[in-house]
Amino acid sequence: MYQTQHDFEEDKILRANTSYRALWASVLLQAIRDVDDKEERYEALNYLHSFSEKERSFNWICDMLDLDTERIRTLTLTHTGRRKLLGGNVGNRTLGVKRYKPQDTK
């Protein structure tokens, strides 16, 4: 079985995978939405303002999606900024990651 050296090859493949990127964009968007939820606010802000570089962290997701972490953090601090990130439609924005559209197999 072929194994990549380190994870650089796997990283390149995953970054190119639109479905994978859309999944992580959804995670980020949910964290931004959660800032407006009284029960989730504290945890969401801790996540968005963490400086961890671990896999699945805010910084890791932004890096994978080629987003400016500081700009996103700044925008999450205000309701207007969060609406800007979410595109005014909290359910339909993917931070520049194109939505996956299945190919017609007919």
PDB file of N, CA and C in Angstrom:
ATOM      1  N   MET A   1       0.837  -1.173   0.000  1.00  0.00           N
ATOM      2  CA  MET A   1       0.000   0.000   0.000  1.00  0.00           C
ATOM      3  C   MET A   1       0.891   1.248   0.000  1.00  0.00           C
ATOM      4  N   TYR A   2       0.524   2.210  -0.822  1.00  0.00           N
ATOM      5  CA  TYR A   2       1.286   3.452  -0.932  1.00  0.00           C
ATOM      6  C   TYR A   2       1.018   4.347   0.268  1.00  0.00           C
ATOM      7  N   GLN A   3       2.070   4.849   0.880  1.00  0.00           N
ATOM      8  CA  GLN A   3       1.919   5.796   1.976  1.00  0.00           C
ATOM      9  C   GLN A   3       2.694   7.056   1.630  1.00  0.00           C
ATOM     10  N   THR A   4       2.051   8.190   1.867  1.00  0.00           N
ATOM     11  CA  THR A   4       2.697   9.466   1.555  1.00  0.00           C
ATOM     12  C   THR A   4       3.724   9.810   2.620  1.00  0.00           C
ATOM     13  N   GLN A   5       4.718  10.585   2.217  1.00  0.00           N
ATOM     14  CA  GLN A   5       5.672  11.093   3.190  1.00  0.00           C
ATOM     15  C   GLN A   5       4.992  12.243   3.913  1.00  0.00           C
ATOM     16  N   HIS A   6       5.084  12.183   5.217  1.00  0.00           N
ATOM     17  CA  HIS A   6       4.386  13.137   6.067  1.00  0.00           C
ATOM     18  C   HIS A   6       2.929  13.151   5.623  1.00  0.00           C
ATOM     19  N   ASP A   7       2.306  14.290   5.545  1.00  0.00           N
ATOM     20  CA  ASP A   7       0.944  14.360   5.040  1.00  0.00           C
ATOM     21  C   ASP A   7       0.809  15.409   3.942  1.00  0.00           C
ATOM     22  N   PHE A   8       1.929  15.814   3.358  1.00  0.00           N
ATOM     23  CA  PHE A   8       1.883  16.890   2.374  1.00  0.00           C
ATOM     24  C   PHE A   8       1.058  16.518   1.147  1.00  0.00           C
ATOM     25  N   GLU A   9       1.219  15.301   0.645  1.00  0.00           N
ATOM     26  CA  GLU A   9       0.452  14.885  -0.524  1.00  0.00           C
ATOM     27  C   GLU A   9      -1.030  14.811  -0.187  1.00  0.00           C
ATOM     28  N   GLU A  10      -1.336  14.260   0.961  1.00  0.00           N
ATOM     29  CA  GLU A  10      -2.735  14.167   1.380  1.00  0.00           C
ATOM     30  C   GLU A  10      -3.321  15.560   1.556  1.00  0.00           C
ATOM     31  N   ASP A  11      -2.564  16.482   2.138  1.00  0.00           N
ATOM     32  CA  ASP A  11      -3.035  17.857   2.307  1.00  0.00           C
ATOM     33  C   ASP A  11      -3.387  18.487   0.966  1.00  0.00           C
ATOM     34  N   LYS A  12      -2.549  18.286  -0.051  1.00  0.00           N
ATOM     35  CA  LYS A  12      -2.813  18.864  -1.368  1.00  0.00           C
ATOM     36  C   LYS A  12      -4.105  18.298  -1.952  1.00  0.00           C
ATOM     37  N   ILE A  13      -4.315  17.003  -1.786  1.00  0.00           N
ATOM     38  CA  ILE A  13      -5.525  16.368  -2.309  1.00  0.00           C
ATOM     39  C   ILE A  13      -6.759  16.901  -1.592  1.00  0.00           C
ATOM     40  N   LEU A  14      -6.688  16.981  -0.267  1.00  0.00           N
ATOM     41  CA  LEU A  14      -7.834  17.446   0.499  1.00  0.00           C
ATOM     42  C   LEU A  14      -8.164  18.901   0.205  1.00  0.00           C
ATOM     43  N   ARG A  15      -7.150  19.731   0.025  1.00  0.00           N
ATOM     44  CA  ARG A  15      -7.387  21.147  -0.286  1.00  0.00           C
ATOM     45  C   ARG A  15      -8.076  21.309  -1.639  1.00  0.00           C
ATOM     46  N   ALA A  16      -7.821  20.396  -2.555  1.00  0.00           N
ATOM     47  CA  ALA A  16      -8.410  20.479  -3.882  1.00  0.00           C
ATOM     48  C   ALA A  16      -9.832  19.915  -3.900  1.00  0.00           C
ATOM     49  N   ASN A  17     -10.230  19.171  -2.879  1.00  0.00           N
ATOM     50  CA  ASN A  17     -11.528  18.522  -2.836  1.00  0.00           C
ATOM     51  C   ASN A  17     -12.598  19.515  -2.388  1.00  0.00           C
ATOM     52  N   THR A  18     -13.478  19.885  -3.300  1.00  0.00           N
ATOM     53  CA  THR A  18     -14.499  20.887  -3.022  1.00  0.00           C
ATOM     54  C   THR A  18     -15.460  20.439  -1.926  1.00  0.00           C
ATOM     55  N   SER A  19     -15.829  19.179  -1.902  1.00  0.00           N
ATOM     56  CA  SER A  19     -16.750  18.685  -0.880  1.00  0.00           C
ATOM     57  C   SER A  19     -16.119  18.786   0.498  1.00  0.00           C
ATOM     58  N   TYR A  20     -14.847  18.457   0.589  1.00  0.00           N
ATOM     59  CA  TYR A  20     -14.123  18.525   1.853  1.00  0.00           C
ATOM     60  C   TYR A  20     -14.045  19.971   2.337  1.00  0.00           C
ATOM     61  N   ARG A  21     -13.746  20.875   1.420  1.00  0.00           N
ATOM     62  CA  ARG A  21     -13.667  22.294   1.775  1.00  0.00           C
ATOM     63  C   ARG A  21     -15.034  22.820   2.202  1.00  0.00           C
ATOM     64  N   ALA A  22     -16.097  22.391   1.523  1.00  0.00           N
ATOM     65  CA  ALA A  22     -17.449  22.829   1.871  1.00  0.00           C
ATOM     66  C   ALA A  22     -17.835  22.335   3.267  1.00  0.00           C
ATOM     67  N   LEU A  23     -17.413  21.139   3.607  1.00  0.00           N
ATOM     68  CA  LEU A  23     -17.682  20.604   4.943  1.00  0.00           C
ATOM     69  C   LEU A  23     -17.067  21.503   6.013  1.00  0.00           C
ATOM     70  N   TRP A  24     -15.795  21.852   5.852  1.00  0.00           N
ATOM     71  CA  TRP A  24     -15.118  22.677   6.861  1.00  0.00           C
ATOM     72  C   TRP A  24     -15.621  24.114   6.848  1.00  0.00           C
ATOM     73  N   ALA A  25     -16.042  24.604   5.687  1.00  0.00           N
ATOM     74  CA  ALA A  25     -16.657  25.938   5.637  1.00  0.00           C
ATOM     75  C   ALA A  25     -17.957  25.923   6.436  1.00  0.00           C
ATOM     76  N   SER A  26     -18.690  24.821   6.368  1.00  0.00           N
ATOM     77  CA  SER A  26     -19.933  24.687   7.137  1.00  0.00           C
ATOM     78  C   SER A  26     -19.665  24.705   8.632  1.00  0.00           C
ATOM     79  N   VAL A  27     -18.585  24.062   9.055  1.00  0.00           N
ATOM     80  CA  VAL A  27     -18.214  24.064  10.474  1.00  0.00           C
ATOM     81  C   VAL A  27     -17.936  25.494  10.926  1.00  0.00           C
ATOM     82  N   LEU A  28     -17.184  26.222  10.123  1.00  0.00           N
ATOM     83  CA  LEU A  28     -16.856  27.608  10.449  1.00  0.00           C
ATOM     84  C   LEU A  28     -18.113  28.478  10.489  1.00  0.00           C
ATOM     85  N   LEU A  29     -18.976  28.310   9.515  1.00  0.00           N
ATOM     86  CA  LEU A  29     -20.215  29.083   9.478  1.00  0.00           C
ATOM     87  C   LEU A  29     -21.098  28.788  10.686  1.00  0.00           C
ATOM     88  N   GLN A  30     -21.143  27.535  11.106  1.00  0.00           N
ATOM     89  CA  GLN A  30     -21.954  27.205  12.282  1.00  0.00           C
ATOM     90  C   GLN A  30     -21.399  27.882  13.527  1.00  0.00           C
ATOM     91  N   ALA A  31     -20.095  27.922  13.650  1.00  0.00           N
ATOM     92  CA  ALA A  31     -19.484  28.604  14.794  1.00  0.00           C
ATOM     93  C   ALA A  31     -19.850  30.090  14.781  1.00  0.00           C
ATOM     94  N   ILE A  32     -19.874  30.694  13.597  1.00  0.00           N
ATOM     95  CA  ILE A  32     -20.241  32.114  13.481  1.00  0.00           C
ATOM     96  C   ILE A  32     -21.711  32.298  13.853  1.00  0.00           C
ATOM     97  N   ARG A  33     -22.585  31.402  13.383  1.00  0.00           N
ATOM     98  CA  ARG A  33     -24.007  31.468  13.753  1.00  0.00           C
ATOM     99  C   ARG A  33     -24.194  31.312  15.260  1.00  0.00           C
ATOM    100  N   ASP A  34     -23.406  30.422  15.864  1.00  0.00           N
ATOM    101  CA  ASP A  34     -23.547  30.129  17.288  1.00  0.00           C
ATOM    102  C   ASP A  34     -23.239  31.328  18.184  1.00  0.00           C
ATOM    103  N   VAL A  35     -22.511  32.311  17.671  1.00  0.00           N
ATOM    104  CA  VAL A  35     -22.224  33.510  18.464  1.00  0.00           C
ATOM    105  C   VAL A  35     -23.530  34.219  18.838  1.00  0.00           C
ATOM    106  N   ASP A  36     -24.546  34.105  17.997  1.00  0.00           N
ATOM    107  CA  ASP A  36     -25.832  34.756  18.268  1.00  0.00           C
ATOM    108  C   ASP A  36     -26.772  33.908  19.126  1.00  0.00           C
ATOM    109  N   ASP A  37     -26.356  32.709  19.486  1.00  0.00           N
ATOM    110  CA  ASP A  37     -27.153  31.814  20.323  1.00  0.00           C
ATOM    111  C   ASP A  37     -26.679  31.949  21.768  1.00  0.00           C
ATOM    112  N   LYS A  38     -27.585  32.368  22.660  1.00  0.00           N
ATOM    113  CA  LYS A  38     -27.198  32.606  24.056  1.00  0.00           C
ATOM    114  C   LYS A  38     -26.490  31.410  24.682  1.00  0.00           C
ATOM    115  N   GLU A  39     -26.968  30.213  24.402  1.00  0.00           N
ATOM    116  CA  GLU A  39     -26.392  29.013  25.020  1.00  0.00           C
ATOM    117  C   GLU A  39     -25.041  28.623  24.423  1.00  0.00           C
ATOM    118  N   GLU A  40     -24.788  29.000  23.189  1.00  0.00           N
ATOM    119  CA  GLU A  40     -23.565  28.590  22.487  1.00  0.00           C
ATOM    120  C   GLU A  40     -22.525  29.705  22.384  1.00  0.00           C
ATOM    121  N   ARG A  41     -22.911  30.930  22.699  1.00  0.00           N
ATOM    122  CA  ARG A  41     -22.071  32.112  22.466  1.00  0.00           C
ATOM    123  C   ARG A  41     -20.661  31.998  23.048  1.00  0.00           C
ATOM    124  N   TYR A  42     -20.558  31.657  24.325  1.00  0.00           N
ATOM    125  CA  TYR A  42     -19.261  31.613  24.993  1.00  0.00           C
ATOM    126  C   TYR A  42     -18.327  30.608  24.313  1.00  0.00           C
ATOM    127  N   GLU A  43     -18.836  29.411  24.065  1.00  0.00           N
ATOM    128  CA  GLU A  43     -18.020  28.382  23.423  1.00  0.00           C
ATOM    129  C   GLU A  43     -17.642  28.778  21.988  1.00  0.00           C
ATOM    130  N   ALA A  44     -18.578  29.371  21.261  1.00  0.00           N
ATOM    131  CA  ALA A  44     -18.300  29.788  19.876  1.00  0.00           C
ATOM    132  C   ALA A  44     -17.223  30.873  19.837  1.00  0.00           C
ATOM    133  N   LEU A  45     -17.329  31.862  20.719  1.00  0.00           N
ATOM    134  CA  LEU A  45     -16.317  32.923  20.745  1.00  0.00           C
ATOM    135  C   LEU A  45     -14.953  32.385  21.160  1.00  0.00           C
ATOM    136  N   ASN A  46     -14.929  31.455  22.109  1.00  0.00           N
ATOM    137  CA  ASN A  46     -13.655  30.822  22.480  1.00  0.00           C
ATOM    138  C   ASN A  46     -13.036  30.109  21.286  1.00  0.00           C
ATOM    139  N   TYR A  47     -13.859  29.417  20.519  1.00  0.00           N
ATOM    140  CA  TYR A  47     -13.377  28.701  19.341  1.00  0.00           C
ATOM    141  C   TYR A  47     -12.846  29.678  18.287  1.00  0.00           C
ATOM    142  N   LEU A  48     -13.629  30.692  17.987  1.00  0.00           N
ATOM    143  CA  LEU A  48     -13.262  31.651  16.940  1.00  0.00           C
ATOM    144  C   LEU A  48     -12.056  32.510  17.311  1.00  0.00           C
ATOM    145  N   HIS A  49     -11.817  32.685  18.594  1.00  0.00           N
ATOM    146  CA  HIS A  49     -10.712  33.538  19.027  1.00  0.00           C
ATOM    147  C   HIS A  49      -9.560  32.748  19.634  1.00  0.00           C
ATOM    148  N   SER A  50      -9.566  31.451  19.410  1.00  0.00           N
ATOM    149  CA  SER A  50      -8.465  30.597  19.846  1.00  0.00           C
ATOM    150  C   SER A  50      -7.307  30.729  18.853  1.00  0.00           C
ATOM    151  N   PHE A  51      -6.099  30.543  19.334  1.00  0.00           N
ATOM    152  CA  PHE A  51      -4.938  30.609  18.445  1.00  0.00           C
ATOM    153  C   PHE A  51      -4.333  29.229  18.207  1.00  0.00           C
ATOM    154  N   SER A  52      -5.091  28.195  18.538  1.00  0.00           N
ATOM    155  CA  SER A  52      -4.647  26.824  18.312  1.00  0.00           C
ATOM    156  C   SER A  52      -4.432  26.576  16.817  1.00  0.00           C
ATOM    157  N   GLU A  53      -3.449  25.769  16.500  1.00  0.00           N
ATOM    158  CA  GLU A  53      -3.176  25.386  15.109  1.00  0.00           C
ATOM    159  C   GLU A  53      -3.532  23.918  14.864  1.00  0.00           C
ATOM    160  N   LYS A  54      -4.159  23.284  15.850  1.00  0.00           N
ATOM    161  CA  LYS A  54      -4.494  21.867  15.741  1.00  0.00           C
ATOM    162  C   LYS A  54      -5.521  21.636  14.644  1.00  0.00           C
ATOM    163  N   GLU A  55      -5.535  20.392  14.144  1.00  0.00           N
ATOM    164  CA  GLU A  55      -6.524  20.023  13.149  1.00  0.00           C
ATOM    165  C   GLU A  55      -7.923  20.301  13.686  1.00  0.00           C
ATOM    166  N   ARG A  56      -8.770  20.858  12.846  1.00  0.00           N
ATOM    167  CA  ARG A  56     -10.155  21.229  13.146  1.00  0.00           C
ATOM    168  C   ARG A  56     -10.289  22.533  13.917  1.00  0.00           C
ATOM    169  N   SER A  57      -9.180  23.187  14.237  1.00  0.00           N
ATOM    170  CA  SER A  57      -9.251  24.470  14.935  1.00  0.00           C
ATOM    171  C   SER A  57      -9.658  25.568  13.948  1.00  0.00           C
ATOM    172  N   PHE A  58     -10.040  26.696  14.493  1.00  0.00           N
ATOM    173  CA  PHE A  58     -10.399  27.853  13.668  1.00  0.00           C
ATOM    174  C   PHE A  58      -9.261  28.206  12.706  1.00  0.00           C
ATOM    175  N   ASN A  59      -8.033  28.300  13.228  1.00  0.00           N
ATOM    176  CA  ASN A  59      -6.890  28.655  12.379  1.00  0.00           C
ATOM    177  C   ASN A  59      -6.659  27.612  11.292  1.00  0.00           C
ATOM    178  N   TRP A  60      -6.805  26.349  11.640  1.00  0.00           N
ATOM    179  CA  TRP A  60      -6.606  25.257  10.680  1.00  0.00           C
ATOM    180  C   TRP A  60      -7.615  25.354   9.540  1.00  0.00           C
ATOM    181  N   ILE A  61      -8.881  25.598   9.894  1.00  0.00           N
ATOM    182  CA  ILE A  61      -9.923  25.709   8.871  1.00  0.00           C
ATOM    183  C   ILE A  61      -9.669  26.919   7.976  1.00  0.00           C
ATOM    184  N   CYS A  62      -9.369  28.063   8.589  1.00  0.00           N
ATOM    185  CA  CYS A  62      -9.104  29.264   7.790  1.00  0.00           C
ATOM    186  C   CYS A  62      -7.914  29.062   6.864  1.00  0.00           C
ATOM    187  N   ASP A  63      -6.877  28.407   7.356  1.00  0.00           N
ATOM    188  CA  ASP A  63      -5.709  28.139   6.528  1.00  0.00           C
ATOM    189  C   ASP A  63      -6.085  27.266   5.341  1.00  0.00           C
ATOM    190  N   MET A  64      -6.854  26.219   5.586  1.00  0.00           N
ATOM    191  CA  MET A  64      -7.253  25.322   4.510  1.00  0.00           C
ATOM    192  C   MET A  64      -8.126  26.024   3.471  1.00  0.00           C
ATOM    193  N   LEU A  65      -8.965  26.956   3.940  1.00  0.00           N
ATOM    194  CA  LEU A  65      -9.869  27.668   3.037  1.00  0.00           C
ATOM    195  C   LEU A  65      -9.259  28.954   2.482  1.00  0.00           C
ATOM    196  N   ASP A  66      -7.994  29.209   2.831  1.00  0.00           N
ATOM    197  CA  ASP A  66      -7.295  30.427   2.386  1.00  0.00           C
ATOM    198  C   ASP A  66      -8.033  31.699   2.809  1.00  0.00           C
ATOM    199  N   LEU A  67      -8.477  31.724   4.072  1.00  0.00           N
ATOM    200  CA  LEU A  67      -9.178  32.882   4.619  1.00  0.00           C
ATOM    201  C   LEU A  67      -8.264  33.643   5.565  1.00  0.00           C
ATOM    202  N   ASP A  68      -8.496  34.932   5.681  1.00  0.00           N
ATOM    203  CA  ASP A  68      -7.734  35.797   6.579  1.00  0.00           C
ATOM    204  C   ASP A  68      -8.304  35.662   7.992  1.00  0.00           C
ATOM    205  N   THR A  69      -7.600  34.975   8.869  1.00  0.00           N
ATOM    206  CA  THR A  69      -8.101  34.697  10.215  1.00  0.00           C
ATOM    207  C   THR A  69      -8.417  35.973  10.991  1.00  0.00           C
ATOM    208  N   GLU A  70      -7.556  36.953  10.909  1.00  0.00           N
ATOM    209  CA  GLU A  70      -7.783  38.184  11.673  1.00  0.00           C
ATOM    210  C   GLU A  70      -9.007  38.944  11.174  1.00  0.00           C
ATOM    211  N   ARG A  71      -9.220  38.965   9.884  1.00  0.00           N
ATOM    212  CA  ARG A  71     -10.406  39.638   9.334  1.00  0.00           C
ATOM    213  C   ARG A  71     -11.668  38.916   9.796  1.00  0.00           C
ATOM    214  N   ILE A  72     -11.668  37.592   9.741  1.00  0.00           N
ATOM    215  CA  ILE A  72     -12.827  36.812  10.180  1.00  0.00           C
ATOM    216  C   ILE A  72     -13.076  37.071  11.669  1.00  0.00           C
ATOM    217  N   ARG A  73     -12.011  37.012  12.469  1.00  0.00           N
ATOM    218  CA  ARG A  73     -12.157  37.257  13.916  1.00  0.00           C
ATOM    219  C   ARG A  73     -12.766  38.630  14.184  1.00  0.00           C
ATOM    220  N   THR A  74     -12.266  39.639  13.507  1.00  0.00           N
ATOM    221  CA  THR A  74     -12.761  41.003  13.701  1.00  0.00           C
ATOM    222  C   THR A  74     -14.243  41.092  13.338  1.00  0.00           C
ATOM    223  N   LEU A  75     -14.619  40.483  12.227  1.00  0.00           N
ATOM    224  CA  LEU A  75     -16.012  40.535  11.790  1.00  0.00           C
ATOM    225  C   LEU A  75     -16.946  39.776  12.729  1.00  0.00           C
ATOM    226  N   THR A  76     -16.457  38.754  13.423  1.00  0.00           N
ATOM    227  CA  THR A  76     -17.320  37.987  14.325  1.00  0.00           C
ATOM    228  C   THR A  76     -17.681  38.760  15.588  1.00  0.00           C
ATOM    229  N   LEU A  77     -17.003  39.861  15.855  1.00  0.00           N
ATOM    230  CA  LEU A  77     -17.241  40.617  17.087  1.00  0.00           C
ATOM    231  C   LEU A  77     -18.516  41.447  17.061  1.00  0.00           C
ATOM    232  N   THR A  78     -19.028  41.741  15.872  1.00  0.00           N
ATOM    233  CA  THR A  78     -20.243  42.549  15.779  1.00  0.00           C
ATOM    234  C   THR A  78     -21.328  41.803  15.010  1.00  0.00           C
ATOM    235  N   HIS A  79     -22.559  42.144  15.318  1.00  0.00           N
ATOM    236  CA  HIS A  79     -23.694  41.536  14.608  1.00  0.00           C
ATOM    237  C   HIS A  79     -23.606  41.841  13.109  1.00  0.00           C
ATOM    238  N   THR A  80     -23.282  43.083  12.777  1.00  0.00           N
ATOM    239  CA  THR A  80     -23.150  43.481  11.374  1.00  0.00           C
ATOM    240  C   THR A  80     -22.049  42.680  10.679  1.00  0.00           C
ATOM    241  N   GLY A  81     -20.934  42.494  11.355  1.00  0.00           N
ATOM    242  CA  GLY A  81     -19.836  41.718  10.783  1.00  0.00           C
ATOM    243  C   GLY A  81     -20.226  40.269  10.547  1.00  0.00           C
ATOM    244  N   ARG A  82     -20.950  39.687  11.507  1.00  0.00           N
ATOM    245  CA  ARG A  82     -21.393  38.304  11.341  1.00  0.00           C
ATOM    246  C   ARG A  82     -22.354  38.184  10.174  1.00  0.00           C
ATOM    247  N   ARG A  83     -23.248  39.143  10.019  1.00  0.00           N
ATOM    248  CA  ARG A  83     -24.184  39.125   8.876  1.00  0.00           C
ATOM    249  C   ARG A  83     -23.413  39.231   7.555  1.00  0.00           C
ATOM    250  N   LYS A  84     -22.356  40.042   7.570  1.00  0.00           N
ATOM    251  CA  LYS A  84     -21.534  40.179   6.364  1.00  0.00           C
ATOM    252  C   LYS A  84     -20.895  38.840   6.007  1.00  0.00           C
ATOM    253  N   LEU A  85     -20.370  38.140   7.015  1.00  0.00           N
ATOM    254  CA  LEU A  85     -19.760  36.834   6.775  1.00  0.00           C
ATOM    255  C   LEU A  85     -20.773  35.807   6.301  1.00  0.00           C
ATOM    256  N   LEU A  86     -21.978  35.898   6.857  1.00  0.00           N
ATOM    257  CA  LEU A  86     -23.009  34.930   6.521  1.00  0.00           C
ATOM    258  C   LEU A  86     -23.804  35.339   5.289  1.00  0.00           C
ATOM    259  N   GLY A  87     -23.498  36.482   4.726  1.00  0.00           N
ATOM    260  CA  GLY A  87     -24.163  36.921   3.496  1.00  0.00           C
ATOM    261  C   GLY A  87     -25.606  37.357   3.696  1.00  0.00           C
ATOM    262  N   GLY A  88     -25.991  37.657   4.931  1.00  0.00           N
ATOM    263  CA  GLY A  88     -27.360  38.075   5.180  1.00  0.00           C
ATOM    264  C   GLY A  88     -28.350  36.922   5.170  1.00  0.00           C
ATOM    265  N   ASN A  89     -27.914  35.790   4.673  1.00  0.00           N
ATOM    266  CA  ASN A  89     -28.771  34.608   4.634  1.00  0.00           C
ATOM    267  C   ASN A  89     -28.049  33.522   5.406  1.00  0.00           C
ATOM    268  N   VAL A  90     -28.388  33.349   6.654  1.00  0.00           N
ATOM    269  CA  VAL A  90     -27.618  32.481   7.535  1.00  0.00           C
ATOM    270  C   VAL A  90     -27.513  31.042   7.062  1.00  0.00           C
ATOM    271  N   GLY A  91     -28.322  30.610   6.150  1.00  0.00           N
ATOM    272  CA  GLY A  91     -28.255  29.220   5.725  1.00  0.00           C
ATOM    273  C   GLY A  91     -27.591  28.983   4.392  1.00  0.00           C
ATOM    274  N   ASN A  92     -27.193  30.022   3.681  1.00  0.00           N
ATOM    275  CA  ASN A  92     -26.772  29.800   2.295  1.00  0.00           C
ATOM    276  C   ASN A  92     -25.395  30.285   1.903  1.00  0.00           C
ATOM    277  N   ARG A  93     -24.563  30.670   2.801  1.00  0.00           N
ATOM    278  CA  ARG A  93     -23.264  31.216   2.424  1.00  0.00           C
ATOM    279  C   ARG A  93     -22.158  30.232   2.754  1.00  0.00           C
ATOM    280  N   THR A  94     -21.172  30.089   1.882  1.00  0.00           N
ATOM    281  CA  THR A  94     -20.089  29.145   2.146  1.00  0.00           C
ATOM    282  C   THR A  94     -18.721  29.807   2.066  1.00  0.00           C
ATOM    283  N   LEU A  95     -18.607  31.061   2.428  1.00  0.00           N
ATOM    284  CA  LEU A  95     -17.315  31.752   2.503  1.00  0.00           C
ATOM    285  C   LEU A  95     -16.449  31.551   1.265  1.00  0.00           C
ATOM    286  N   GLY A  96     -17.055  31.617   0.100  1.00  0.00           N
ATOM    287  CA  GLY A  96     -16.293  31.514  -1.137  1.00  0.00           C
ATOM    288  C   GLY A  96     -15.995  30.098  -1.584  1.00  0.00           C
ATOM    289  N   VAL A  97     -16.458  29.115  -0.850  1.00  0.00           N
ATOM    290  CA  VAL A  97     -16.259  27.724  -1.266  1.00  0.00           C
ATOM    291  C   VAL A  97     -17.487  27.339  -2.069  1.00  0.00           C
ATOM    292  N   LYS A  98     -17.276  26.931  -3.304  1.00  0.00           N
ATOM    293  CA  LYS A  98     -18.399  26.596  -4.168  1.00  0.00           C
ATOM    294  C   LYS A  98     -19.132  25.368  -3.645  1.00  0.00           C
ATOM    295  N   ARG A  99     -20.447  25.430  -3.758  1.00  0.00           N
ATOM    296  CA  ARG A  99     -21.264  24.301  -3.323  1.00  0.00           C
ATOM    297  C   ARG A  99     -21.075  23.120  -4.264  1.00  0.00           C
ATOM    298  N   TYR A 100     -21.153  21.945  -3.686  1.00  0.00           N
ATOM    299  CA  TYR A 100     -21.051  20.715  -4.466  1.00  0.00           C
ATOM    300  C   TYR A 100     -22.344  20.508  -5.229  1.00  0.00           C
ATOM    301  N   LYS A 101     -22.239  20.287  -6.526  1.00  0.00           N
ATOM    302  CA  LYS A 101     -23.405  19.986  -7.346  1.00  0.00           C
ATOM    303  C   LYS A 101     -23.172  18.632  -8.006  1.00  0.00           C
ATOM    304  N   PRO A 102     -23.996  17.648  -7.650  1.00  0.00           N
ATOM    305  CA  PRO A 102     -23.814  16.320  -8.240  1.00  0.00           C
ATOM    306  C   PRO A 102     -23.943  16.368  -9.753  1.00  0.00           C
ATOM    307  N   GLN A 103     -23.144  15.576 -10.428  1.00  0.00           N
ATOM    308  CA  GLN A 103     -23.201  15.483 -11.873  1.00  0.00           C
ATOM    309  C   GLN A 103     -24.388  14.603 -12.285  1.00  0.00           C
ATOM    310  N   ASP A 104     -25.060  15.006 -13.336  1.00  0.00           N
ATOM    311  CA  ASP A 104     -26.143  14.194 -13.861  1.00  0.00           C
ATOM    312  C   ASP A 104     -25.520  12.973 -14.536  1.00  0.00           C
ATOM    313  N   THR A 105     -25.894  11.784 -14.102  1.00  0.00           N
ATOM    314  CA  THR A 105     -25.273  10.564 -14.631  1.00  0.00           C
ATOM    315  C   THR A 105     -26.041   9.955 -15.776  1.00  0.00           C
ATOM    316  N   LYS A 106     -27.069  10.625 -16.257  1.00  0.00           N
ATOM    317  CA  LYS A 106     -27.872  10.090 -17.384  1.00  0.00           C
ATOM    318  C   LYS A 106     -27.176  10.283 -18.688  1.00  0.00           C
TER     319      LYS A 106
END
